[in-house]
Each structure stands twice: as C-alpha cells, then as structure tokens.
Amino acid sequence: MEKQENKDNPFAKVDKIEKQKKEFIEKAQGETHFSRKKDKIGRYILLDSDLSDRLEEYIKLEAKRFETKSYIFNEALDKWLESKGF
C-alpha cells in the first residue's frame, strides 16, 4: 500500500532526495588546509572532561560546517607551536 501512495504522491521522490541531502550534510566533515596536502596520522589525545564538554557544546551550537574537532585541534596546535618557535 505504501508503494501505491508513493506513486500517487508526486512529491515522494523529492521528499526522499531532500532527506538524503539532509543526511549527507549532517554527516559531512571538513578538512583543514593541512589535511588536504598532508598524510593524516591518528593520535589519541586525553582531554580534561570540562574542556571536552565545552568543545562539544561549541560544535553543537556555533561551529561552522568545516570546524570539526580535527580542524580545531590542528589550528590550535599549529598556533601554539608557532608561538613556541617550532
């Protein structure tokens, strides 16, 4: 019966495409200017739980699409190392 309803509904295909688009955008991840040109190396970093919570809050509420955890860490670590002369 659902297939019959989809045939009768001219917007069913559009709704399906919109749903797929939304899922794709929600799962999208940004890349930094570092990761486009360099190999990525997985590292585990222990974070203070309060810092981790603040980061999660920022990403959920205010982060732009390209501001992933990796992007934020790469930018922050790069600036910190530059300030130390490395």
PDB file of N, CA and C in Angstrom:
ATOM      1  N   MET A   1       0.824  -1.190   0.000  1.00  0.00           N
ATOM      2  CA  MET A   1       0.000   0.000   0.000  1.00  0.00           C
ATOM      3  C   MET A   1       0.868   1.255   0.000  1.00  0.00           C
ATOM      4  N   GLU A   2       2.013   1.211   0.680  1.00  0.00           N
ATOM      5  CA  GLU A   2       2.890   2.379   0.730  1.00  0.00           C
ATOM      6  C   GLU A   2       3.439   2.705  -0.659  1.00  0.00           C
ATOM      7  N   LYS A   3       3.738   1.669  -1.463  1.00  0.00           N
ATOM      8  CA  LYS A   3       4.227   1.909  -2.816  1.00  0.00           C
ATOM      9  C   LYS A   3       3.167   2.613  -3.649  1.00  0.00           C
ATOM     10  N   GLN A   4       1.928   2.232  -3.462  1.00  0.00           N
ATOM     11  CA  GLN A   4       0.838   2.878  -4.192  1.00  0.00           C
ATOM     12  C   GLN A   4       0.735   4.345  -3.796  1.00  0.00           C
ATOM     13  N   GLU A   5       0.881   4.635  -2.502  1.00  0.00           N
ATOM     14  CA  GLU A   5       0.825   6.021  -2.040  1.00  0.00           C
ATOM     15  C   GLU A   5       1.968   6.829  -2.638  1.00  0.00           C
ATOM     16  N   ASN A   6       3.166   6.230  -2.736  1.00  0.00           N
ATOM     17  CA  ASN A   6       4.302   6.923  -3.326  1.00  0.00           C
ATOM     18  C   ASN A   6       4.064   7.236  -4.796  1.00  0.00           C
ATOM     19  N   LYS A   7       3.400   6.331  -5.511  1.00  0.00           N
ATOM     20  CA  LYS A   7       3.094   6.580  -6.921  1.00  0.00           C
ATOM     21  C   LYS A   7       2.090   7.713  -7.064  1.00  0.00           C
ATOM     22  N   ASP A   8       1.175   7.809  -6.131  1.00  0.00           N
ATOM     23  CA  ASP A   8       0.156   8.858  -6.186  1.00  0.00           C
ATOM     24  C   ASP A   8       0.689  10.203  -5.703  1.00  0.00           C
ATOM     25  N   ASN A   9       1.733  10.193  -4.922  1.00  0.00           N
ATOM     26  CA  ASN A   9       2.292  11.417  -4.361  1.00  0.00           C
ATOM     27  C   ASN A   9       3.435  11.909  -5.257  1.00  0.00           C
ATOM     28  N   PRO A  10       3.231  12.996  -5.989  1.00  0.00           N
ATOM     29  CA  PRO A  10       4.289  13.480  -6.889  1.00  0.00           C
ATOM     30  C   PRO A  10       5.509  14.026  -6.143  1.00  0.00           C
ATOM     31  N   PHE A  11       5.367  14.310  -4.856  1.00  0.00           N
ATOM     32  CA  PHE A  11       6.473  14.866  -4.083  1.00  0.00           C
ATOM     33  C   PHE A  11       7.259  13.804  -3.316  1.00  0.00           C
ATOM     34  N   ALA A  12       6.870  12.546  -3.419  1.00  0.00           N
ATOM     35  CA  ALA A  12       7.538  11.484  -2.669  1.00  0.00           C
ATOM     36  C   ALA A  12       9.012  11.390  -3.044  1.00  0.00           C
ATOM     37  N   LYS A  13       9.312  11.470  -4.337  1.00  0.00           N
ATOM     38  CA  LYS A  13      10.705  11.387  -4.770  1.00  0.00           C
ATOM     39  C   LYS A  13      11.484  12.610  -4.293  1.00  0.00           C
ATOM     40  N   VAL A  14      10.871  13.771  -4.349  1.00  0.00           N
ATOM     41  CA  VAL A  14      11.515  14.996  -3.879  1.00  0.00           C
ATOM     42  C   VAL A  14      11.783  14.899  -2.382  1.00  0.00           C
ATOM     43  N   ASP A  15      10.817  14.399  -1.629  1.00  0.00           N
ATOM     44  CA  ASP A  15      10.997  14.231  -0.184  1.00  0.00           C
ATOM     45  C   ASP A  15      12.155  13.280   0.110  1.00  0.00           C
ATOM     46  N   LYS A  16      12.259  12.208  -0.668  1.00  0.00           N
ATOM     47  CA  LYS A  16      13.335  11.239  -0.476  1.00  0.00           C
ATOM     48  C   LYS A  16      14.687  11.891  -0.767  1.00  0.00           C
ATOM     49  N   ILE A  17      14.764  12.663  -1.832  1.00  0.00           N
ATOM     50  CA  ILE A  17      16.010  13.349  -2.188  1.00  0.00           C
ATOM     51  C   ILE A  17      16.376  14.365  -1.121  1.00  0.00           C
ATOM     52  N   GLU A  18      15.410  15.118  -0.636  1.00  0.00           N
ATOM     53  CA  GLU A  18      15.666  16.103   0.420  1.00  0.00           C
ATOM     54  C   GLU A  18      16.174  15.420   1.690  1.00  0.00           C
ATOM     55  N   LYS A  19      15.601  14.278   2.017  1.00  0.00           N
ATOM     56  CA  LYS A  19      16.039  13.526   3.195  1.00  0.00           C
ATOM     57  C   LYS A  19      17.481  13.051   3.016  1.00  0.00           C
ATOM     58  N   GLN A  20      17.812  12.547   1.823  1.00  0.00           N
ATOM     59  CA  GLN A  20      19.175  12.098   1.553  1.00  0.00           C
ATOM     60  C   GLN A  20      20.154  13.265   1.612  1.00  0.00           C
ATOM     61  N   LYS A  21      19.748  14.414   1.081  1.00  0.00           N
ATOM     62  CA  LYS A  21      20.592  15.602   1.132  1.00  0.00           C
ATOM     63  C   LYS A  21      20.877  16.010   2.569  1.00  0.00           C
ATOM     64  N   LYS A  22      19.833  16.010   3.388  1.00  0.00           N
ATOM     65  CA  LYS A  22      19.981  16.400   4.790  1.00  0.00           C
ATOM     66  C   LYS A  22      20.922  15.444   5.518  1.00  0.00           C
ATOM     67  N   GLU A  23      20.778  14.140   5.283  1.00  0.00           N
ATOM     68  CA  GLU A  23      21.648  13.150   5.915  1.00  0.00           C
ATOM     69  C   GLU A  23      23.101  13.340   5.471  1.00  0.00           C
ATOM     70  N   PHE A  24      23.298  13.618   4.189  1.00  0.00           N
ATOM     71  CA  PHE A  24      24.650  13.835   3.668  1.00  0.00           C
ATOM     72  C   PHE A  24      25.299  15.039   4.336  1.00  0.00           C
ATOM     73  N   ILE A  25      24.568  16.134   4.450  1.00  0.00           N
ATOM     74  CA  ILE A  25      25.099  17.356   5.051  1.00  0.00           C
ATOM     75  C   ILE A  25      25.407  17.140   6.526  1.00  0.00           C
ATOM     76  N   GLU A  26      24.543  16.423   7.229  1.00  0.00           N
ATOM     77  CA  GLU A  26      24.765  16.174   8.655  1.00  0.00           C
ATOM     78  C   GLU A  26      26.008  15.317   8.902  1.00  0.00           C
ATOM     79  N   LYS A  27      26.327  14.443   7.955  1.00  0.00           N
ATOM     80  CA  LYS A  27      27.481  13.558   8.121  1.00  0.00           C
ATOM     81  C   LYS A  27      28.760  14.153   7.531  1.00  0.00           C
ATOM     82  N   ALA A  28      28.660  15.304   6.880  1.00  0.00           N
ATOM     83  CA  ALA A  28      29.818  15.916   6.223  1.00  0.00           C
ATOM     84  C   ALA A  28      30.867  16.330   7.246  1.00  0.00           C
ATOM     85  N   GLN A  29      32.116  16.214   6.852  1.00  0.00           N
ATOM     86  CA  GLN A  29      33.229  16.613   7.708  1.00  0.00           C
ATOM     87  C   GLN A  29      34.144  17.537   6.923  1.00  0.00           C
ATOM     88  N   GLY A  30      34.662  18.524   7.600  1.00  0.00           N
ATOM     89  CA  GLY A  30      35.564  19.467   6.960  1.00  0.00           C
ATOM     90  C   GLY A  30      37.000  18.996   7.006  1.00  0.00           C
ATOM     91  N   GLU A  31      37.814  19.643   6.208  1.00  0.00           N
ATOM     92  CA  GLU A  31      39.238  19.359   6.202  1.00  0.00           C
ATOM     93  C   GLU A  31      39.989  20.658   6.404  1.00  0.00           C
ATOM     94  N   THR A  32      41.129  20.573   7.043  1.00  0.00           N
ATOM     95  CA  THR A  32      41.960  21.758   7.207  1.00  0.00           C
ATOM     96  C   THR A  32      42.866  21.891   5.999  1.00  0.00           C
ATOM     97  N   HIS A  33      43.524  23.024   5.894  1.00  0.00           N
ATOM     98  CA  HIS A  33      44.474  23.174   4.798  1.00  0.00           C
ATOM     99  C   HIS A  33      45.653  22.219   4.976  1.00  0.00           C
ATOM    100  N   PHE A  34      45.866  21.731   6.193  1.00  0.00           N
ATOM    101  CA  PHE A  34      46.918  20.751   6.433  1.00  0.00           C
ATOM    102  C   PHE A  34      46.528  19.389   5.865  1.00  0.00           C
ATOM    103  N   SER A  35      45.316  18.949   6.146  1.00  0.00           N
ATOM    104  CA  SER A  35      44.928  17.581   5.822  1.00  0.00           C
ATOM    105  C   SER A  35      44.714  17.365   4.334  1.00  0.00           C
ATOM    106  N   ARG A  36      44.493  18.421   3.559  1.00  0.00           N
ATOM    107  CA  ARG A  36      44.321  18.250   2.125  1.00  0.00           C
ATOM    108  C   ARG A  36      45.636  17.862   1.457  1.00  0.00           C
ATOM    109  N   LYS A  37      46.735  18.355   1.976  1.00  0.00           N
ATOM    110  CA  LYS A  37      48.016  18.164   1.320  1.00  0.00           C
ATOM    111  C   LYS A  37      48.924  17.178   2.047  1.00  0.00           C
ATOM    112  N   LYS A  38      48.625  16.866   3.267  1.00  0.00           N
ATOM    113  CA  LYS A  38      49.498  16.007   4.065  1.00  0.00           C
ATOM    114  C   LYS A  38      48.775  14.728   4.455  1.00  0.00           C
ATOM    115  N   ASP A  39      49.581  13.723   4.757  1.00  0.00           N
ATOM    116  CA  ASP A  39      49.004  12.480   5.267  1.00  0.00           C
ATOM    117  C   ASP A  39      48.421  12.727   6.650  1.00  0.00           C
ATOM    118  N   LYS A  40      47.370  12.006   6.949  1.00  0.00           N
ATOM    119  CA  LYS A  40      46.751  12.111   8.271  1.00  0.00           C
ATOM    120  C   LYS A  40      47.294  10.997   9.155  1.00  0.00           C
ATOM    121  N   ILE A  41      47.579  11.347  10.387  1.00  0.00           N
ATOM    122  CA  ILE A  41      48.062  10.371  11.361  1.00  0.00           C
ATOM    123  C   ILE A  41      47.105  10.391  12.544  1.00  0.00           C
ATOM    124  N   GLY A  42      46.568   9.237  12.878  1.00  0.00           N
ATOM    125  CA  GLY A  42      45.652   9.155  14.010  1.00  0.00           C
ATOM    126  C   GLY A  42      46.412   9.197  15.327  1.00  0.00           C
ATOM    127  N   ARG A  43      46.002  10.075  16.204  1.00  0.00           N
ATOM    128  CA  ARG A  43      46.604  10.190  17.534  1.00  0.00           C
ATOM    129  C   ARG A  43      45.480  10.266  18.557  1.00  0.00           C
ATOM    130  N   TYR A  44      45.728   9.688  19.702  1.00  0.00           N
ATOM    131  CA  TYR A  44      44.779   9.806  20.802  1.00  0.00           C
ATOM    132  C   TYR A  44      45.255  10.908  21.728  1.00  0.00           C
ATOM    133  N   ILE A  45      44.365  11.789  22.100  1.00  0.00           N
ATOM    134  CA  ILE A  45      44.701  12.891  22.994  1.00  0.00           C
ATOM    135  C   ILE A  45      43.747  12.845  24.175  1.00  0.00           C
ATOM    136  N   LEU A  46      44.297  12.804  25.373  1.00  0.00           N
ATOM    137  CA  LEU A  46      43.467  12.822  26.576  1.00  0.00           C
ATOM    138  C   LEU A  46      43.098  14.265  26.888  1.00  0.00           C
ATOM    139  N   LEU A  47      41.823  14.509  27.049  1.00  0.00           N
ATOM    140  CA  LEU A  47      41.331  15.852  27.346  1.00  0.00           C
ATOM    141  C   LEU A  47      40.695  15.887  28.722  1.00  0.00           C
ATOM    142  N   ASP A  48      40.821  17.023  29.352  1.00  0.00           N
ATOM    143  CA  ASP A  48      40.081  17.277  30.578  1.00  0.00           C
ATOM    144  C   ASP A  48      38.594  17.190  30.233  1.00  0.00           C
ATOM    145  N   SER A  49      37.805  16.571  31.073  1.00  0.00           N
ATOM    146  CA  SER A  49      36.388  16.372  30.748  1.00  0.00           C
ATOM    147  C   SER A  49      35.644  17.693  30.571  1.00  0.00           C
ATOM    148  N   ASP A  50      35.992  18.721  31.357  1.00  0.00           N
ATOM    149  CA  ASP A  50      35.340  20.026  31.194  1.00  0.00           C
ATOM    150  C   ASP A  50      35.675  20.643  29.839  1.00  0.00           C
ATOM    151  N   LEU A  51      36.925  20.506  29.420  1.00  0.00           N
ATOM    152  CA  LEU A  51      37.340  21.029  28.118  1.00  0.00           C
ATOM    153  C   LEU A  51      36.627  20.293  26.992  1.00  0.00           C
ATOM    154  N   SER A  52      36.513  18.996  27.128  1.00  0.00           N
ATOM    155  CA  SER A  52      35.808  18.193  26.133  1.00  0.00           C
ATOM    156  C   SER A  52      34.338  18.599  26.041  1.00  0.00           C
ATOM    157  N   ASP A  53      33.708  18.816  27.191  1.00  0.00           N
ATOM    158  CA  ASP A  53      32.304  19.242  27.208  1.00  0.00           C
ATOM    159  C   ASP A  53      32.129  20.600  26.537  1.00  0.00           C
ATOM    160  N   ARG A  54      33.063  21.526  26.819  1.00  0.00           N
ATOM    161  CA  ARG A  54      32.992  22.852  26.203  1.00  0.00           C
ATOM    162  C   ARG A  54      33.149  22.759  24.690  1.00  0.00           C
ATOM    163  N   LEU A  55      34.053  21.896  24.235  1.00  0.00           N
ATOM    164  CA  LEU A  55      34.259  21.706  22.802  1.00  0.00           C
ATOM    165  C   LEU A  55      33.006  21.143  22.146  1.00  0.00           C
ATOM    166  N   GLU A  56      32.423  20.123  22.753  1.00  0.00           N
ATOM    167  CA  GLU A  56      31.191  19.533  22.219  1.00  0.00           C
ATOM    168  C   GLU A  56      30.070  20.570  22.146  1.00  0.00           C
ATOM    169  N   GLU A  57      29.946  21.374  23.183  1.00  0.00           N
ATOM    170  CA  GLU A  57      28.915  22.418  23.227  1.00  0.00           C
ATOM    171  C   GLU A  57      29.117  23.411  22.085  1.00  0.00           C
ATOM    172  N   TYR A  58      30.366  23.834  21.884  1.00  0.00           N
ATOM    173  CA  TYR A  58      30.666  24.776  20.804  1.00  0.00           C
ATOM    174  C   TYR A  58      30.318  24.176  19.447  1.00  0.00           C
ATOM    175  N   ILE A  59      30.726  22.933  19.219  1.00  0.00           N
ATOM    176  CA  ILE A  59      30.478  22.292  17.929  1.00  0.00           C
ATOM    177  C   ILE A  59      28.983  22.156  17.673  1.00  0.00           C
ATOM    178  N   LYS A  60      28.218  21.808  18.688  1.00  0.00           N
ATOM    179  CA  LYS A  60      26.772  21.649  18.516  1.00  0.00           C
ATOM    180  C   LYS A  60      26.062  22.969  18.267  1.00  0.00           C
ATOM    181  N   LEU A  61      26.500  24.036  18.940  1.00  0.00           N
ATOM    182  CA  LEU A  61      25.746  25.288  18.900  1.00  0.00           C
ATOM    183  C   LEU A  61      26.258  26.320  17.901  1.00  0.00           C
ATOM    184  N   GLU A  62      27.567  26.437  17.745  1.00  0.00           N
ATOM    185  CA  GLU A  62      28.079  27.571  16.989  1.00  0.00           C
ATOM    186  C   GLU A  62      29.052  27.246  15.869  1.00  0.00           C
ATOM    187  N   ALA A  63      29.586  26.058  15.837  1.00  0.00           N
ATOM    188  CA  ALA A  63      30.634  25.753  14.860  1.00  0.00           C
ATOM    189  C   ALA A  63      30.101  25.810  13.437  1.00  0.00           C
ATOM    190  N   LYS A  64      30.952  26.300  12.554  1.00  0.00           N
ATOM    191  CA  LYS A  64      30.628  26.267  11.136  1.00  0.00           C
ATOM    192  C   LYS A  64      30.884  24.856  10.650  1.00  0.00           C
ATOM    193  N   ARG A  65      30.405  24.558   9.457  1.00  0.00           N
ATOM    194  CA  ARG A  65      30.475  23.199   8.950  1.00  0.00           C
ATOM    195  C   ARG A  65      31.894  22.640   8.905  1.00  0.00           C
ATOM    196  N   PHE A  66      32.868  23.475   8.586  1.00  0.00           N
ATOM    197  CA  PHE A  66      34.239  22.986   8.456  1.00  0.00           C
ATOM    198  C   PHE A  66      34.950  22.867   9.797  1.00  0.00           C
ATOM    199  N   GLU A  67      34.352  23.369  10.862  1.00  0.00           N
ATOM    200  CA  GLU A  67      35.006  23.356  12.170  1.00  0.00           C
ATOM    201  C   GLU A  67      34.745  22.038  12.906  1.00  0.00           C
ATOM    202  N   THR A  68      35.448  21.024  12.469  1.00  0.00           N
ATOM    203  CA  THR A  68      35.360  19.727  13.134  1.00  0.00           C
ATOM    204  C   THR A  68      36.363  19.702  14.282  1.00  0.00           C
ATOM    205  N   LYS A  69      36.318  18.656  15.077  1.00  0.00           N
ATOM    206  CA  LYS A  69      37.284  18.527  16.174  1.00  0.00           C
ATOM    207  C   LYS A  69      38.708  18.524  15.632  1.00  0.00           C
ATOM    208  N   SER A  70      38.932  17.790  14.551  1.00  0.00           N
ATOM    209  CA  SER A  70      40.273  17.727  13.967  1.00  0.00           C
ATOM    210  C   SER A  70      40.737  19.098  13.502  1.00  0.00           C
ATOM    211  N   TYR A  71      39.853  19.824  12.860  1.00  0.00           N
ATOM    212  CA  TYR A  71      40.200  21.166  12.384  1.00  0.00           C
ATOM    213  C   TYR A  71      40.581  22.066  13.557  1.00  0.00           C
ATOM    214  N   ILE A  72      39.775  22.055  14.599  1.00  0.00           N
ATOM    215  CA  ILE A  72      40.019  22.907  15.767  1.00  0.00           C
ATOM    216  C   ILE A  72      41.348  22.543  16.425  1.00  0.00           C
ATOM    217  N   PHE A  73      41.611  21.248  16.606  1.00  0.00           N
ATOM    218  CA  PHE A  73      42.871  20.828  17.222  1.00  0.00           C
ATOM    219  C   PHE A  73      44.069  21.190  16.348  1.00  0.00           C
ATOM    220  N   ASN A  74      43.965  20.965  15.040  1.00  0.00           N
ATOM    221  CA  ASN A  74      45.074  21.301  14.150  1.00  0.00           C
ATOM    222  C   ASN A  74      45.389  22.786  14.186  1.00  0.00           C
ATOM    223  N   GLU A  75      44.352  23.622  14.134  1.00  0.00           N
ATOM    224  CA  GLU A  75      44.562  25.073  14.168  1.00  0.00           C
ATOM    225  C   GLU A  75      45.183  25.511  15.495  1.00  0.00           C
ATOM    226  N   ALA A  76      44.633  25.023  16.589  1.00  0.00           N
ATOM    227  CA  ALA A  76      45.127  25.418  17.914  1.00  0.00           C
ATOM    228  C   ALA A  76      46.561  24.943  18.135  1.00  0.00           C
ATOM    229  N   LEU A  77      46.846  23.708  17.780  1.00  0.00           N
ATOM    230  CA  LEU A  77      48.188  23.164  17.972  1.00  0.00           C
ATOM    231  C   LEU A  77      49.200  23.874  17.079  1.00  0.00           C
ATOM    232  N   ASP A  78      48.820  24.174  15.850  1.00  0.00           N
ATOM    233  CA  ASP A  78      49.708  24.895  14.939  1.00  0.00           C
ATOM    234  C   ASP A  78      50.062  26.269  15.498  1.00  0.00           C
ATOM    235  N   LYS A  79      49.070  27.006  15.978  1.00  0.00           N
ATOM    236  CA  LYS A  79      49.328  28.337  16.550  1.00  0.00           C
ATOM    237  C   LYS A  79      50.179  28.244  17.814  1.00  0.00           C
ATOM    238  N   TRP A  80      49.933  27.249  18.633  1.00  0.00           N
ATOM    239  CA  TRP A  80      50.710  27.079  19.858  1.00  0.00           C
ATOM    240  C   TRP A  80      52.167  26.772  19.525  1.00  0.00           C
ATOM    241  N   LEU A  81      52.395  25.858  18.571  1.00  0.00           N
ATOM    242  CA  LEU A  81      53.764  25.519  18.177  1.00  0.00           C
ATOM    243  C   LEU A  81      54.478  26.712  17.546  1.00  0.00           C
ATOM    244  N   GLU A  82      53.765  27.489  16.733  1.00  0.00           N
ATOM    245  CA  GLU A  82      54.360  28.696  16.150  1.00  0.00           C
ATOM    246  C   GLU A  82      54.767  29.681  17.243  1.00  0.00           C
ATOM    247  N   SER A  83      53.950  29.805  18.287  1.00  0.00           N
ATOM    248  CA  SER A  83      54.282  30.728  19.378  1.00  0.00           C
ATOM    249  C   SER A  83      55.525  30.268  20.143  1.00  0.00           C
ATOM    250  N   LYS A  84      55.810  28.973  20.082  1.00  0.00           N
ATOM    251  CA  LYS A  84      56.998  28.417  20.742  1.00  0.00           C
ATOM    252  C   LYS A  84      58.214  28.405  19.815  1.00  0.00           C
ATOM    253  N   GLY A  85      58.022  28.838  18.569  1.00  0.00           N
ATOM    254  CA  GLY A  85      59.130  28.891  17.617  1.00  0.00           C
ATOM    255  C   GLY A  85      59.372  27.606  16.851  1.00  0.00           C
ATOM    256  N   PHE A  86      58.391  26.739  16.793  1.00  0.00           N
ATOM    257  CA  PHE A  86      58.538  25.483  16.052  1.00  0.00           C
ATOM    258  C   PHE A  86      57.655  25.474  14.833  1.00  0.00           C
TER     259      PHE A  86
END
